[in-house]
């Protein structure tokens, strides 16, 4: 099948995988609640464009490296565990500034940090490998470009929606205790996403 014929299926796959809960979306929601929409824009862009770029490289043959050196998969899993635990700790211990401002001390993830996270995000790897193997077809570079474009566009919308969802909670979380409970809950959900990695070790 041509790449255009596969486009509706690819968009459906992107819709389901990008908009459902996962490490990126939990962190974006927490960022929106703690730092607001404007300060979270670099984080949003890093997630959307970082993942799209990763999917493009996987489509160009990067996944083959892991087939040749299976030990790299174990290294990636260990790095994923360490980085996700660090992020969960950072979210859980974010300290509210005051009772009058639903904002925390510290800074949201930068564009480069959010983009780099995609490389240790197990959901991102599963999505990129599945998308490029199932929807590139015989189109070669055109198919890879289509995957990148779809994930960049829909990823931007998804990142924005999850961040806005977090931002909409800022008034509810205006009290430090509520914000602390929210942050600990988001951290716990982020840690819960480690289960597939731990089960595979």
Protein backbone atom coordinates (compact mmCIF):
# COMPACT_ATOMS: atom_id res chain seq x y z
CA UNK A 1 0.00 0.00 0.00
CA UNK A 2 1.10 3.57 -0.62
CA UNK A 3 1.86 5.93 2.24
CA UNK A 4 -1.27 8.01 1.53
CA UNK A 5 -3.47 4.92 1.68
CA UNK A 6 -2.04 4.20 5.13
CA UNK A 7 -2.51 7.77 6.38
CA UNK A 8 -5.97 7.30 8.00
CA UNK A 9 -4.75 4.24 9.91
CA UNK A 10 -1.60 6.07 10.99
CA UNK A 11 -3.63 9.03 12.23
CA UNK A 12 -5.87 6.70 14.21
CA UNK A 13 -2.83 5.03 15.74
CA UNK A 14 -1.34 8.43 16.64
CA UNK A 15 -4.64 9.58 18.15
CA UNK A 16 -4.88 6.57 20.44
CA UNK A 17 -1.25 6.48 21.50
CA UNK A 18 -0.52 10.19 21.84
CA UNK A 19 -3.65 11.25 23.68
CA UNK A 20 -3.84 8.41 26.20
CA UNK A 21 -2.08 8.60 29.59
CA UNK A 22 1.63 7.90 29.64
CA UNK A 23 4.88 9.32 31.03
CA UNK A 24 4.92 12.35 28.73
CA UNK A 25 1.31 13.27 29.38
CA UNK A 26 1.56 12.87 33.16
CA UNK A 27 4.61 15.15 33.18
CA UNK A 28 2.95 17.73 30.94
CA UNK A 29 -0.12 17.80 33.15
CA UNK A 30 2.07 18.26 36.22
CA UNK A 31 4.03 21.00 34.46
CA UNK A 32 0.86 22.86 33.53
CA UNK A 33 -0.42 22.67 37.10
CA UNK A 34 2.87 23.77 38.65
CA UNK A 35 4.28 26.26 36.15
CA UNK A 36 1.42 27.34 33.88
CA UNK A 37 1.02 27.14 30.12
CA UNK A 38 3.55 29.77 29.03
CA UNK A 39 6.45 28.38 31.07
CA UNK A 40 5.63 24.85 29.89
CA UNK A 41 5.83 25.65 26.16
CA UNK A 42 9.47 24.45 25.79
CA UNK A 43 8.51 21.20 27.53
CA UNK A 44 5.55 20.78 25.18
CA UNK A 45 7.67 21.44 22.10
CA UNK A 46 10.38 19.07 23.30
CA UNK A 47 7.87 16.25 23.68
CA UNK A 48 6.13 16.76 20.33
CA UNK A 49 9.18 17.46 18.17
CA UNK A 50 11.54 15.21 20.12
CA UNK A 51 9.30 12.20 19.64
CA UNK A 52 8.65 12.98 15.96
CA UNK A 53 12.40 13.20 15.37
CA UNK A 54 12.96 9.95 17.22
CA UNK A 55 10.30 8.21 15.12
CA UNK A 56 12.01 9.50 11.99
CA UNK A 57 15.39 8.10 13.02
CA UNK A 58 13.81 4.76 13.92
CA UNK A 59 12.16 4.72 10.50
CA UNK A 60 15.54 5.35 8.88
CA UNK A 61 16.97 2.24 10.48
CA UNK A 62 17.96 3.06 14.05
CA UNK A 63 15.94 0.13 15.40
CA UNK A 64 18.32 -2.15 13.50
CA UNK A 65 21.08 -1.17 15.94
CA UNK A 66 19.15 -2.77 18.80
CA UNK A 67 18.68 -5.93 16.77
CA UNK A 68 22.43 -6.16 16.20
CA UNK A 69 23.31 -5.39 19.83
CA UNK A 70 20.53 -6.74 22.11
CA UNK A 71 22.46 -5.65 25.20
CA UNK A 72 21.58 -2.06 24.31
CA UNK A 73 17.95 -2.87 25.09
CA UNK A 74 18.86 -3.75 28.67
CA UNK A 75 20.93 -0.57 28.97
CA UNK A 76 17.99 1.45 27.68
CA UNK A 77 15.62 -0.15 30.18
CA UNK A 78 17.92 0.57 33.10
CA UNK A 79 18.36 4.16 31.94
CA UNK A 80 14.57 4.45 31.63
CA UNK A 81 14.06 3.29 35.20
CA UNK A 82 16.66 5.69 36.57
CA UNK A 83 15.44 8.70 34.64
CA UNK A 84 11.75 8.10 35.35
CA UNK A 85 12.43 7.68 39.07
CA UNK A 86 14.41 10.93 39.05
CA UNK A 87 11.58 12.76 37.29
CA UNK A 88 9.02 11.29 39.69
CA UNK A 89 11.11 12.46 42.65
CA UNK A 90 11.43 15.93 41.11
CA UNK A 91 7.66 16.18 40.68
CA UNK A 92 6.82 14.76 44.12
CA UNK A 93 9.18 17.11 45.96
CA UNK A 94 8.29 20.30 44.06
CA UNK A 95 7.66 22.81 46.84
CA UNK A 96 4.79 25.33 46.58
CA UNK A 97 5.93 28.94 46.86
CA UNK A 98 3.07 30.21 48.97
CA UNK A 99 -0.56 29.74 49.82
CA UNK A 100 -1.51 32.47 47.36
CA UNK A 101 0.23 31.16 44.25
CA UNK A 102 -0.36 27.69 42.77
CA UNK A 103 3.19 27.69 41.46
CA UNK A 104 6.25 25.82 42.65
CA UNK A 105 9.86 26.59 43.09
CA UNK A 106 12.08 25.15 40.39
CA UNK A 107 11.77 25.07 36.63
CA UNK A 108 9.85 23.01 34.07
CA UNK A 109 11.76 20.76 31.71
CA UNK A 110 13.57 22.56 28.91
CA UNK A 111 13.10 21.73 25.23
CA UNK A 112 16.29 19.64 25.16
CA UNK A 113 15.47 17.80 28.39
CA UNK A 114 11.99 16.89 27.15
CA UNK A 115 13.35 15.82 23.75
CA UNK A 116 16.10 13.74 25.38
CA UNK A 117 13.53 12.04 27.59
CA UNK A 118 11.95 10.43 24.53
CA UNK A 119 15.04 8.24 24.16
CA UNK A 120 14.47 6.61 27.55
CA UNK A 121 10.68 6.61 27.36
CA UNK A 122 9.51 3.02 26.80
CA UNK A 123 6.13 4.10 25.42
CA UNK A 124 7.85 6.35 22.88
CA UNK A 125 10.05 3.49 21.67
CA UNK A 126 7.09 1.13 21.33
CA UNK A 127 5.09 3.76 19.44
CA UNK A 128 7.89 4.71 17.05
CA UNK A 129 8.84 1.12 16.21
CA UNK A 130 5.20 0.13 15.65
CA UNK A 131 4.41 3.22 13.58
CA UNK A 132 7.39 2.94 11.26
CA UNK A 133 7.09 -0.82 10.78
CA UNK A 134 3.33 -0.82 10.21
CA UNK A 135 2.64 2.43 8.38
CA UNK A 136 5.70 3.31 6.30
CA UNK A 137 4.87 0.58 3.80
CA UNK A 138 6.83 0.60 0.55
CA UNK A 139 7.05 4.38 0.44
CA UNK A 140 10.53 4.58 1.94
CA UNK A 141 11.56 8.13 2.80
CA UNK A 142 8.14 9.48 1.90
CA UNK A 143 6.56 7.09 4.37
CA UNK A 144 9.02 8.07 7.11
CA UNK A 145 8.32 11.75 6.40
CA UNK A 146 4.60 11.09 6.71
CA UNK A 147 5.08 9.41 10.10
CA UNK A 148 7.20 12.33 11.31
CA UNK A 149 4.66 14.90 10.09
CA UNK A 150 1.67 13.14 11.64
CA UNK A 151 3.35 12.67 15.01
CA UNK A 152 4.70 16.24 15.06
CA UNK A 153 1.28 17.73 14.28
CA UNK A 154 -0.84 15.50 16.49
CA UNK A 155 1.82 15.43 19.20
CA UNK A 156 1.70 19.21 19.42
CA UNK A 157 -2.08 19.11 19.91
CA UNK A 158 -1.83 16.32 22.50
CA UNK A 159 0.93 18.07 24.44
CA UNK A 160 -1.07 21.28 24.45
CA UNK A 161 -4.25 19.60 25.67
CA UNK A 162 -2.55 17.78 28.55
CA UNK A 163 -0.73 20.93 29.62
CA UNK A 164 -3.93 22.98 29.46
CA UNK A 165 -5.65 20.28 31.52
CA UNK A 166 -2.99 20.74 34.19
CA UNK A 167 -3.25 24.54 33.93
CA UNK A 168 -7.02 24.37 34.42
CA UNK A 169 -6.41 22.77 37.82
CA UNK A 170 -4.27 25.64 39.10
CA UNK A 171 -7.14 27.38 40.88
CA UNK A 172 -8.19 24.12 42.55
CA UNK A 173 -4.57 23.56 43.57
CA UNK A 174 -4.04 27.07 44.92
CA UNK A 175 -3.44 25.72 48.42
CA UNK A 176 0.03 24.23 49.02
CA UNK A 177 -1.35 21.05 50.57
CA UNK A 178 -3.56 20.33 47.56
CA UNK A 179 -0.72 20.99 45.15
CA UNK A 180 1.56 18.71 47.15
CA UNK A 181 -1.02 15.90 47.04
CA UNK A 182 -1.45 16.42 43.29
CA UNK A 183 2.31 16.31 42.70
CA UNK A 184 2.73 13.13 44.74
CA UNK A 185 -0.16 11.54 42.81
CA UNK A 186 1.39 12.49 39.46
CA UNK A 187 4.73 11.11 40.63
CA UNK A 188 3.09 7.83 41.68
CA UNK A 189 1.37 7.51 38.28
CA UNK A 190 4.71 8.16 36.57
CA UNK A 191 6.36 5.42 38.64
CA UNK A 192 3.47 3.08 37.75
CA UNK A 193 4.44 3.39 34.07
CA UNK A 194 7.64 1.53 34.95
CA UNK A 195 5.80 -1.76 35.40
CA UNK A 196 6.19 -2.97 31.77
CA UNK A 197 9.94 -2.25 31.94
CA UNK A 198 10.39 -4.06 35.25
CA UNK A 199 8.36 -7.03 33.98
CA UNK A 200 10.64 -7.30 30.95
CA UNK A 201 13.89 -7.40 32.93
